[in-house]
Each structure stands twice: as structure tokens, then as C-alpha cells.
């Protein structure tokens, strides 16, 4: 199979994330649960589940429970982890509101590869370590002040 055939669309990645969430919460997922969780029509869910089953990422039969295969579980955990890392960065480093961080983390998670995610993790660890290990050296607070006062004022000129 060609590499791009293995690539999942953002939509299919979102389904894997939703199924992982529902499996964690309820042990299994149902079409209705996925539809409600993702706020989409059941017919669209069914078509996407068929695609994921064909790729060997979920166990799915009509009118039965849906579970992730080991391969699907691995991909879903990676996507979910990327989402959490990006949301953490947006919220706690860049100080973006929770709602906005959630929306953009969902968009960005699909575009970042492992190398970029690892660099983002390293950057966040560096910032937190520097902040924790130094007296009155809160880099995040310094950034917030710079952004609010210096950067925004410079953008208006």
C-alpha cells in the first residue's frame, strides 16, 4: 500500500479520537454515541466507520459496538496526545483562552508530525524548567506582559 493511502483524513482521525474517548468512558462506542459526541448525523458516522474498518483500525459491524483495533488504538492515542500537548501549549504558554485553545488544538493536531511535537514538548519543558529553577524568572509571565504591552502596541503603529 502506498504511503498516502495509509494517511488518514482529519475527519477519520477525529473519529478515532472520539472512539478512544468513548471506549475510555464506556468501554465501547456506538454509532449514536459517536454521532452525539461529534455532533454529526448518524449516516455520516456509518460511512466513516466503514472506511476505518476497511483500514483495519476499528472493529465494526452494523448495529453492534465499535472498538479500536490495536493499530487504531495506537493512532488514536497519538492523535489524542498531540491534541493535549498543543492545547497545553496554547493555553499555558501562549495564554490563549480554553475555548479557543480547544478549537485550534483540534485543527493543528492533524498537521504536526512527531518531530515538531517533540520539539514543542522540549520547548515547553525548557520554559517550565527555567521558570521553576530560577528566582522571579517567570518566562511565561514575561511573555504575556511583552505580548500585551509591547507587541500589541507595536502592531497598532
N, C-alpha and C. Protein backbone atom coordinates (compact mmCIF):
# COMPACT_ATOMS: atom_id res chain seq x y z
N UNK A 1 0.84 -1.18 0.00
CA UNK A 1 0.00 0.00 0.00
C UNK A 1 0.88 1.24 0.00
N UNK A 2 0.56 2.20 -0.82
CA UNK A 2 1.34 3.43 -0.90
C UNK A 2 1.18 4.23 0.38
N UNK A 3 2.21 5.03 0.68
CA UNK A 3 2.22 5.79 1.92
C UNK A 3 1.00 6.70 2.05
N UNK A 4 0.62 7.40 0.99
CA UNK A 4 -0.52 8.33 1.08
C UNK A 4 -1.84 7.59 1.25
N UNK A 5 -1.90 6.29 0.90
CA UNK A 5 -3.11 5.51 1.13
C UNK A 5 -3.28 5.22 2.62
N UNK A 6 -2.18 5.19 3.36
CA UNK A 6 -2.24 4.97 4.80
C UNK A 6 -2.61 6.24 5.56
N UNK A 7 -2.44 7.38 4.93
CA UNK A 7 -2.72 8.66 5.57
C UNK A 7 -4.22 8.79 5.79
N UNK A 8 -4.57 9.16 7.00
CA UNK A 8 -5.98 9.35 7.33
C UNK A 8 -6.36 10.81 7.15
N UNK A 9 -7.58 11.03 6.75
CA UNK A 9 -8.09 12.40 6.68
C UNK A 9 -8.26 12.92 8.10
N UNK A 10 -8.35 14.24 8.22
CA UNK A 10 -8.58 14.84 9.54
C UNK A 10 -9.87 14.30 10.14
N UNK A 11 -10.87 14.15 9.30
CA UNK A 11 -12.17 13.64 9.76
C UNK A 11 -12.04 12.24 10.35
N UNK A 12 -11.34 11.35 9.65
CA UNK A 12 -11.18 9.98 10.16
C UNK A 12 -10.35 9.97 11.44
N UNK A 13 -9.35 10.85 11.53
CA UNK A 13 -8.58 10.97 12.77
C UNK A 13 -9.49 11.42 13.91
N UNK A 14 -10.41 12.34 13.62
CA UNK A 14 -11.35 12.80 14.65
C UNK A 14 -12.25 11.65 15.11
N UNK A 15 -12.64 10.78 14.20
CA UNK A 15 -13.44 9.62 14.59
C UNK A 15 -12.65 8.71 15.53
N UNK A 16 -11.39 8.46 15.20
CA UNK A 16 -10.57 7.62 16.09
C UNK A 16 -10.46 8.23 17.48
N UNK A 17 -10.26 9.54 17.52
CA UNK A 17 -10.18 10.25 18.80
C UNK A 17 -11.49 10.10 19.58
N UNK A 18 -12.60 10.25 18.90
CA UNK A 18 -13.92 10.14 19.55
C UNK A 18 -14.14 8.71 20.06
N UNK A 19 -13.78 7.73 19.26
CA UNK A 19 -13.96 6.33 19.67
C UNK A 19 -13.10 6.04 20.89
N UNK A 20 -11.85 6.53 20.89
CA UNK A 20 -10.99 6.33 22.05
C UNK A 20 -11.60 6.95 23.30
N UNK A 21 -12.10 8.17 23.17
CA UNK A 21 -12.75 8.85 24.30
C UNK A 21 -13.92 8.00 24.81
N UNK A 22 -14.78 7.55 23.89
CA UNK A 22 -15.97 6.79 24.29
C UNK A 22 -15.61 5.42 24.85
N UNK A 23 -14.58 4.78 24.30
CA UNK A 23 -14.12 3.50 24.85
C UNK A 23 -13.60 3.69 26.26
N UNK A 24 -12.87 4.77 26.47
CA UNK A 24 -12.32 5.04 27.80
C UNK A 24 -13.46 5.29 28.79
N UNK A 25 -14.47 6.00 28.33
CA UNK A 25 -15.61 6.36 29.19
C UNK A 25 -16.58 5.19 29.38
N UNK A 26 -16.91 4.49 28.28
CA UNK A 26 -17.99 3.49 28.31
C UNK A 26 -17.55 2.07 27.98
N UNK A 27 -16.27 1.83 27.76
CA UNK A 27 -15.70 0.54 27.35
C UNK A 27 -15.90 0.25 25.86
N UNK A 28 -16.98 0.75 25.27
CA UNK A 28 -17.25 0.59 23.84
C UNK A 28 -17.90 1.86 23.32
N UNK A 29 -18.00 1.96 22.01
CA UNK A 29 -18.69 3.08 21.38
C UNK A 29 -19.82 2.53 20.53
N UNK A 30 -20.84 3.34 20.37
CA UNK A 30 -21.95 3.01 19.48
C UNK A 30 -22.09 4.15 18.48
N UNK A 31 -22.72 3.88 17.36
CA UNK A 31 -22.92 4.92 16.34
C UNK A 31 -23.60 6.13 16.97
N UNK A 32 -24.61 5.90 17.77
CA UNK A 32 -25.33 7.01 18.42
C UNK A 32 -24.39 7.83 19.30
N UNK A 33 -23.54 7.16 20.06
CA UNK A 33 -22.60 7.85 20.95
C UNK A 33 -21.64 8.72 20.15
N UNK A 34 -21.13 8.16 19.07
CA UNK A 34 -20.18 8.89 18.22
C UNK A 34 -20.88 10.09 17.59
N UNK A 35 -22.09 9.86 17.09
CA UNK A 35 -22.87 10.93 16.48
C UNK A 35 -23.10 12.07 17.47
N UNK A 36 -23.51 11.71 18.68
CA UNK A 36 -23.77 12.72 19.71
C UNK A 36 -22.48 13.43 20.11
N UNK A 37 -21.42 12.68 20.30
CA UNK A 37 -20.14 13.26 20.74
C UNK A 37 -19.57 14.23 19.71
N UNK A 38 -19.68 13.86 18.44
CA UNK A 38 -19.11 14.68 17.37
C UNK A 38 -20.12 15.68 16.79
N UNK A 39 -21.37 15.57 17.25
CA UNK A 39 -22.43 16.46 16.79
C UNK A 39 -22.62 16.39 15.27
N UNK A 40 -22.72 15.16 14.77
CA UNK A 40 -22.95 14.94 13.34
C UNK A 40 -24.05 13.89 13.15
N UNK A 41 -24.59 13.81 11.93
CA UNK A 41 -25.66 12.87 11.64
C UNK A 41 -25.15 11.43 11.63
N UNK A 42 -26.00 10.51 12.03
CA UNK A 42 -25.61 9.10 12.12
C UNK A 42 -25.20 8.51 10.78
N UNK A 43 -25.83 8.94 9.70
CA UNK A 43 -25.48 8.40 8.38
C UNK A 43 -24.03 8.67 8.02
N UNK A 44 -23.56 9.84 8.34
CA UNK A 44 -22.15 10.18 8.10
C UNK A 44 -21.22 9.35 8.95
N UNK A 45 -21.64 9.05 10.15
CA UNK A 45 -20.84 8.23 11.06
C UNK A 45 -20.64 6.84 10.46
N UNK A 46 -21.73 6.26 9.99
CA UNK A 46 -21.68 4.90 9.45
C UNK A 46 -20.71 4.80 8.29
N UNK A 47 -20.74 5.75 7.39
CA UNK A 47 -19.83 5.72 6.24
C UNK A 47 -18.36 5.80 6.69
N UNK A 48 -18.09 6.66 7.63
CA UNK A 48 -16.72 6.81 8.12
C UNK A 48 -16.26 5.56 8.87
N UNK A 49 -17.16 4.95 9.63
CA UNK A 49 -16.81 3.72 10.35
C UNK A 49 -16.46 2.60 9.38
N UNK A 50 -17.17 2.53 8.28
CA UNK A 50 -16.86 1.52 7.26
C UNK A 50 -15.44 1.73 6.71
N UNK A 51 -15.08 2.99 6.49
CA UNK A 51 -13.73 3.30 6.00
C UNK A 51 -12.67 2.89 7.01
N UNK A 52 -12.92 3.21 8.28
CA UNK A 52 -11.95 2.86 9.33
C UNK A 52 -11.84 1.35 9.50
N UNK A 53 -12.95 0.65 9.39
CA UNK A 53 -12.93 -0.81 9.50
C UNK A 53 -12.15 -1.42 8.33
N UNK A 54 -12.35 -0.88 7.13
CA UNK A 54 -11.64 -1.37 5.95
C UNK A 54 -10.13 -1.19 6.10
N UNK A 55 -9.72 -0.13 6.80
CA UNK A 55 -8.29 0.13 7.04
C UNK A 55 -7.75 -0.67 8.22
N UNK A 56 -8.62 -1.44 8.87
CA UNK A 56 -8.20 -2.28 9.99
C UNK A 56 -7.96 -1.50 11.29
N UNK A 57 -8.63 -0.36 11.43
CA UNK A 57 -8.41 0.49 12.60
C UNK A 57 -9.49 0.33 13.67
N UNK A 58 -10.64 -0.20 13.28
CA UNK A 58 -11.72 -0.44 14.24
C UNK A 58 -12.37 -1.78 13.96
N UNK A 59 -13.03 -2.30 14.98
CA UNK A 59 -13.91 -3.46 14.84
C UNK A 59 -15.31 -2.90 14.73
N UNK A 60 -15.95 -3.16 13.60
CA UNK A 60 -17.27 -2.59 13.37
C UNK A 60 -18.13 -3.52 12.55
N UNK A 61 -19.32 -3.75 13.06
CA UNK A 61 -20.39 -4.43 12.33
C UNK A 61 -21.64 -3.59 12.57
N UNK A 62 -22.49 -3.43 11.55
CA UNK A 62 -23.72 -2.65 11.76
C UNK A 62 -24.51 -3.14 12.98
N UNK A 63 -25.03 -2.19 13.73
CA UNK A 63 -25.86 -2.44 14.91
C UNK A 63 -25.11 -3.11 16.06
N UNK A 64 -23.80 -3.00 16.06
CA UNK A 64 -23.04 -3.57 17.18
C UNK A 64 -22.10 -2.50 17.75
N UNK A 65 -21.40 -2.88 18.78
CA UNK A 65 -20.46 -1.96 19.41
C UNK A 65 -19.24 -1.74 18.52
N UNK A 66 -18.61 -0.61 18.68
CA UNK A 66 -17.40 -0.27 17.93
C UNK A 66 -16.23 -0.22 18.91
N UNK A 67 -15.15 -0.87 18.56
CA UNK A 67 -13.93 -0.81 19.36
C UNK A 67 -12.73 -0.58 18.45
N UNK A 68 -11.70 -0.03 19.00
CA UNK A 68 -10.47 0.18 18.25
C UNK A 68 -9.66 -1.10 18.18
N UNK A 69 -9.04 -1.35 17.06
CA UNK A 69 -8.06 -2.43 16.96
C UNK A 69 -6.77 -1.94 17.62
N UNK A 70 -5.81 -2.81 17.86
CA UNK A 70 -4.55 -2.32 18.43
C UNK A 70 -3.90 -1.21 17.58
N UNK A 71 -3.95 -1.36 16.26
CA UNK A 71 -3.40 -0.34 15.37
C UNK A 71 -4.20 0.96 15.49
N UNK A 72 -5.52 0.85 15.53
CA UNK A 72 -6.38 2.02 15.69
C UNK A 72 -6.16 2.69 17.04
N UNK A 73 -5.98 1.88 18.07
CA UNK A 73 -5.73 2.41 19.42
C UNK A 73 -4.43 3.20 19.45
N UNK A 74 -3.41 2.68 18.80
CA UNK A 74 -2.12 3.37 18.76
C UNK A 74 -2.23 4.73 18.08
N UNK A 75 -2.91 4.76 16.95
CA UNK A 75 -3.09 6.02 16.22
C UNK A 75 -3.95 6.99 17.02
N UNK A 76 -5.04 6.49 17.60
CA UNK A 76 -5.94 7.35 18.38
C UNK A 76 -5.22 7.95 19.59
N UNK A 77 -4.40 7.16 20.26
CA UNK A 77 -3.65 7.67 21.42
C UNK A 77 -2.65 8.75 20.99
N UNK A 78 -2.01 8.55 19.85
CA UNK A 78 -1.06 9.54 19.34
C UNK A 78 -1.78 10.86 19.03
N UNK A 79 -2.90 10.77 18.35
CA UNK A 79 -3.67 11.97 18.00
C UNK A 79 -4.14 12.68 19.27
N UNK A 80 -4.68 11.92 20.21
CA UNK A 80 -5.16 12.49 21.47
C UNK A 80 -4.03 13.15 22.24
N UNK A 81 -2.88 12.49 22.27
CA UNK A 81 -1.72 13.05 22.97
C UNK A 81 -1.26 14.35 22.30
N UNK A 82 -1.19 14.36 20.98
CA UNK A 82 -0.82 15.58 20.25
C UNK A 82 -1.79 16.71 20.57
N UNK A 83 -3.07 16.39 20.62
CA UNK A 83 -4.10 17.38 20.93
C UNK A 83 -3.83 17.99 22.31
N UNK A 84 -3.58 17.14 23.29
CA UNK A 84 -3.33 17.61 24.66
C UNK A 84 -2.09 18.49 24.74
N UNK A 85 -1.04 18.09 24.05
CA UNK A 85 0.21 18.87 24.06
C UNK A 85 0.00 20.24 23.44
N UNK A 86 -0.65 20.27 22.30
CA UNK A 86 -0.88 21.53 21.60
C UNK A 86 -1.81 22.43 22.42
N UNK A 87 -2.86 21.85 22.97
CA UNK A 87 -3.78 22.64 23.79
C UNK A 87 -3.05 23.20 25.01
N UNK A 88 -2.22 22.39 25.64
CA UNK A 88 -1.43 22.85 26.79
C UNK A 88 -0.54 24.02 26.40
N UNK A 89 0.11 23.91 25.27
CA UNK A 89 0.97 25.00 24.78
C UNK A 89 0.16 26.27 24.54
N UNK A 90 -0.94 26.14 23.83
CA UNK A 90 -1.77 27.31 23.52
C UNK A 90 -2.31 27.96 24.79
N UNK A 91 -2.79 27.15 25.71
CA UNK A 91 -3.39 27.67 26.94
C UNK A 91 -2.37 28.19 27.94
N UNK A 92 -1.36 27.38 28.22
CA UNK A 92 -0.47 27.68 29.34
C UNK A 92 0.80 28.43 28.99
N UNK A 93 1.21 28.39 27.74
CA UNK A 93 2.38 29.16 27.32
C UNK A 93 1.93 30.43 26.60
N UNK A 94 1.09 30.27 25.59
CA UNK A 94 0.63 31.44 24.83
C UNK A 94 -0.55 32.15 25.48
N UNK A 95 -1.14 31.53 26.50
CA UNK A 95 -2.23 32.13 27.26
C UNK A 95 -3.48 32.40 26.41
N UNK A 96 -3.78 31.48 25.51
CA UNK A 96 -4.99 31.53 24.70
C UNK A 96 -6.14 30.98 25.56
N UNK A 97 -7.33 31.51 25.40
CA UNK A 97 -8.48 31.05 26.19
C UNK A 97 -8.72 29.55 25.97
N UNK A 98 -9.34 28.91 26.95
CA UNK A 98 -9.61 27.48 26.90
C UNK A 98 -10.40 27.10 25.65
N UNK A 99 -11.47 27.83 25.37
CA UNK A 99 -12.31 27.51 24.21
C UNK A 99 -11.53 27.61 22.90
N UNK A 100 -10.80 28.70 22.76
CA UNK A 100 -10.02 28.91 21.53
C UNK A 100 -8.89 27.88 21.42
N UNK A 101 -8.25 27.57 22.55
CA UNK A 101 -7.18 26.57 22.56
C UNK A 101 -7.71 25.21 22.11
N UNK A 102 -8.90 24.86 22.56
CA UNK A 102 -9.52 23.59 22.18
C UNK A 102 -9.77 23.53 20.67
N UNK A 103 -10.34 24.59 20.13
CA UNK A 103 -10.66 24.64 18.70
C UNK A 103 -9.39 24.53 17.86
N UNK A 104 -8.38 25.31 18.20
CA UNK A 104 -7.16 25.33 17.38
C UNK A 104 -6.30 24.10 17.60
N UNK A 105 -6.32 23.54 18.79
CA UNK A 105 -5.58 22.29 19.02
C UNK A 105 -6.14 21.20 18.12
N UNK A 106 -7.44 21.17 17.98
CA UNK A 106 -8.08 20.17 17.12
C UNK A 106 -7.67 20.35 15.66
N UNK A 107 -7.51 21.58 15.25
CA UNK A 107 -7.09 21.84 13.86
C UNK A 107 -5.61 21.52 13.65
N UNK A 108 -4.79 21.94 14.59
CA UNK A 108 -3.33 21.83 14.44
C UNK A 108 -2.86 20.39 14.59
N UNK A 109 -3.50 19.60 15.46
CA UNK A 109 -3.04 18.25 15.77
C UNK A 109 -2.86 17.38 14.53
N UNK A 110 -3.62 17.65 13.50
CA UNK A 110 -3.56 16.83 12.30
C UNK A 110 -2.36 17.18 11.41
N UNK A 111 -1.82 18.35 11.59
CA UNK A 111 -0.78 18.83 10.69
C UNK A 111 0.64 18.63 11.22
N UNK A 112 0.78 18.40 12.51
CA UNK A 112 2.12 18.33 13.11
C UNK A 112 2.63 16.90 13.13
N UNK A 113 3.86 16.73 12.67
CA UNK A 113 4.46 15.40 12.72
C UNK A 113 5.18 15.20 14.06
N UNK A 114 5.70 14.01 14.25
CA UNK A 114 6.33 13.64 15.52
C UNK A 114 7.50 14.54 15.87
N UNK A 115 8.32 14.90 14.89
CA UNK A 115 9.47 15.76 15.16
C UNK A 115 9.04 17.11 15.72
N UNK A 116 8.02 17.71 15.12
CA UNK A 116 7.55 19.02 15.57
C UNK A 116 6.92 18.91 16.96
N UNK A 117 6.12 17.87 17.18
CA UNK A 117 5.52 17.66 18.50
C UNK A 117 6.62 17.50 19.55
N UNK A 118 7.65 16.72 19.24
CA UNK A 118 8.75 16.52 20.19
C UNK A 118 9.48 17.82 20.50
N UNK A 119 9.66 18.65 19.50
CA UNK A 119 10.30 19.96 19.73
C UNK A 119 9.40 20.85 20.59
N UNK A 120 8.10 20.78 20.36
CA UNK A 120 7.17 21.56 21.16
C UNK A 120 7.21 21.10 22.62
N UNK A 121 7.25 19.80 22.83
CA UNK A 121 7.35 19.26 24.19
C UNK A 121 8.66 19.74 24.84
N UNK A 122 9.76 19.64 24.11
CA UNK A 122 11.05 20.07 24.64
C UNK A 122 11.04 21.55 24.99
N UNK A 123 10.44 22.37 24.13
CA UNK A 123 10.35 23.81 24.39
C UNK A 123 9.55 24.07 25.66
N UNK A 124 8.40 23.41 25.79
CA UNK A 124 7.57 23.62 26.97
C UNK A 124 8.29 23.16 28.24
N UNK A 125 8.99 22.03 28.17
CA UNK A 125 9.75 21.55 29.33
C UNK A 125 10.86 22.54 29.67
N UNK A 126 11.53 23.07 28.68
CA UNK A 126 12.58 24.05 28.89
C UNK A 126 12.04 25.30 29.61
N UNK A 127 10.93 25.82 29.09
CA UNK A 127 10.32 27.01 29.69
C UNK A 127 9.93 26.73 31.14
N UNK A 128 9.30 25.60 31.37
CA UNK A 128 8.85 25.27 32.73
C UNK A 128 10.04 25.04 33.66
N UNK A 129 11.07 24.39 33.15
CA UNK A 129 12.26 24.15 33.98
C UNK A 129 12.95 25.47 34.31
N UNK A 130 13.09 26.34 33.33
CA UNK A 130 13.71 27.66 33.57
C UNK A 130 12.92 28.46 34.58
N UNK A 131 11.59 28.41 34.45
CA UNK A 131 10.72 29.15 35.36
C UNK A 131 10.81 28.59 36.78
N UNK A 132 10.82 27.26 36.89
CA UNK A 132 10.84 26.60 38.19
C UNK A 132 12.18 26.76 38.90
N UNK A 133 13.26 26.78 38.15
CA UNK A 133 14.60 26.76 38.74
C UNK A 133 15.22 28.13 38.93
N UNK A 134 14.49 29.19 38.67
CA UNK A 134 15.10 30.50 38.83
C UNK A 134 14.23 31.41 39.68
N UNK A 135 14.86 32.34 40.37
CA UNK A 135 14.14 33.27 41.22
C UNK A 135 13.51 34.37 40.38
N UNK A 136 12.20 34.53 40.53
CA UNK A 136 11.45 35.59 39.85
C UNK A 136 11.70 35.62 38.34
N UNK A 137 11.92 34.47 37.76
CA UNK A 137 12.19 34.41 36.32
C UNK A 137 11.06 33.64 35.64
N UNK A 138 9.87 34.17 35.69
CA UNK A 138 8.72 33.51 35.09
C UNK A 138 8.63 33.92 33.62
N UNK A 139 9.18 33.08 32.75
CA UNK A 139 9.24 33.41 31.33
C UNK A 139 7.85 33.53 30.70
N UNK A 140 6.91 32.72 31.15
CA UNK A 140 5.56 32.81 30.59
C UNK A 140 4.95 34.16 30.96
N UNK A 141 5.10 34.56 32.21
CA UNK A 141 4.57 35.86 32.63
C UNK A 141 5.26 37.00 31.88
N UNK A 142 6.56 36.89 31.69
CA UNK A 142 7.27 37.90 30.91
C UNK A 142 6.74 37.97 29.49
N UNK A 143 6.48 36.81 28.89
CA UNK A 143 5.93 36.78 27.54
C UNK A 143 4.55 37.44 27.50
N UNK A 144 3.69 37.10 28.46
CA UNK A 144 2.34 37.66 28.50
C UNK A 144 2.42 39.19 28.58
N UNK A 145 3.28 39.69 29.45
CA UNK A 145 3.44 41.14 29.57
C UNK A 145 3.98 41.75 28.29
N UNK A 146 4.97 41.10 27.69
CA UNK A 146 5.51 41.59 26.41
C UNK A 146 4.41 41.63 25.36
N UNK A 147 3.64 40.55 25.27
CA UNK A 147 2.60 40.47 24.24
C UNK A 147 1.54 41.55 24.44
N UNK A 148 1.09 41.69 25.69
CA UNK A 148 0.02 42.66 25.98
C UNK A 148 0.47 44.10 25.77
N UNK A 149 1.70 44.40 26.15
CA UNK A 149 2.12 45.80 26.18
C UNK A 149 2.99 46.20 24.98
N UNK A 150 4.03 45.46 24.74
CA UNK A 150 4.98 45.84 23.70
C UNK A 150 4.56 45.37 22.31
N UNK A 151 4.24 44.08 22.19
CA UNK A 151 3.93 43.52 20.88
C UNK A 151 2.65 44.11 20.30
N UNK A 152 1.58 44.11 21.07
CA UNK A 152 0.29 44.62 20.58
C UNK A 152 0.40 46.10 20.24
N UNK A 153 1.10 46.87 21.06
CA UNK A 153 1.26 48.30 20.78
C UNK A 153 2.06 48.51 19.50
N UNK A 154 3.06 47.68 19.27
CA UNK A 154 3.86 47.78 18.05
C UNK A 154 3.08 47.41 16.82
N UNK A 155 2.07 46.52 16.95
CA UNK A 155 1.24 46.11 15.83
C UNK A 155 0.29 47.21 15.39
N UNK A 156 -0.04 48.09 16.31
CA UNK A 156 -1.00 49.16 16.00
C UNK A 156 -0.37 50.34 15.29
N UNK A 157 0.95 50.41 15.23
CA UNK A 157 1.58 51.58 14.61
C UNK A 157 1.78 51.42 13.13
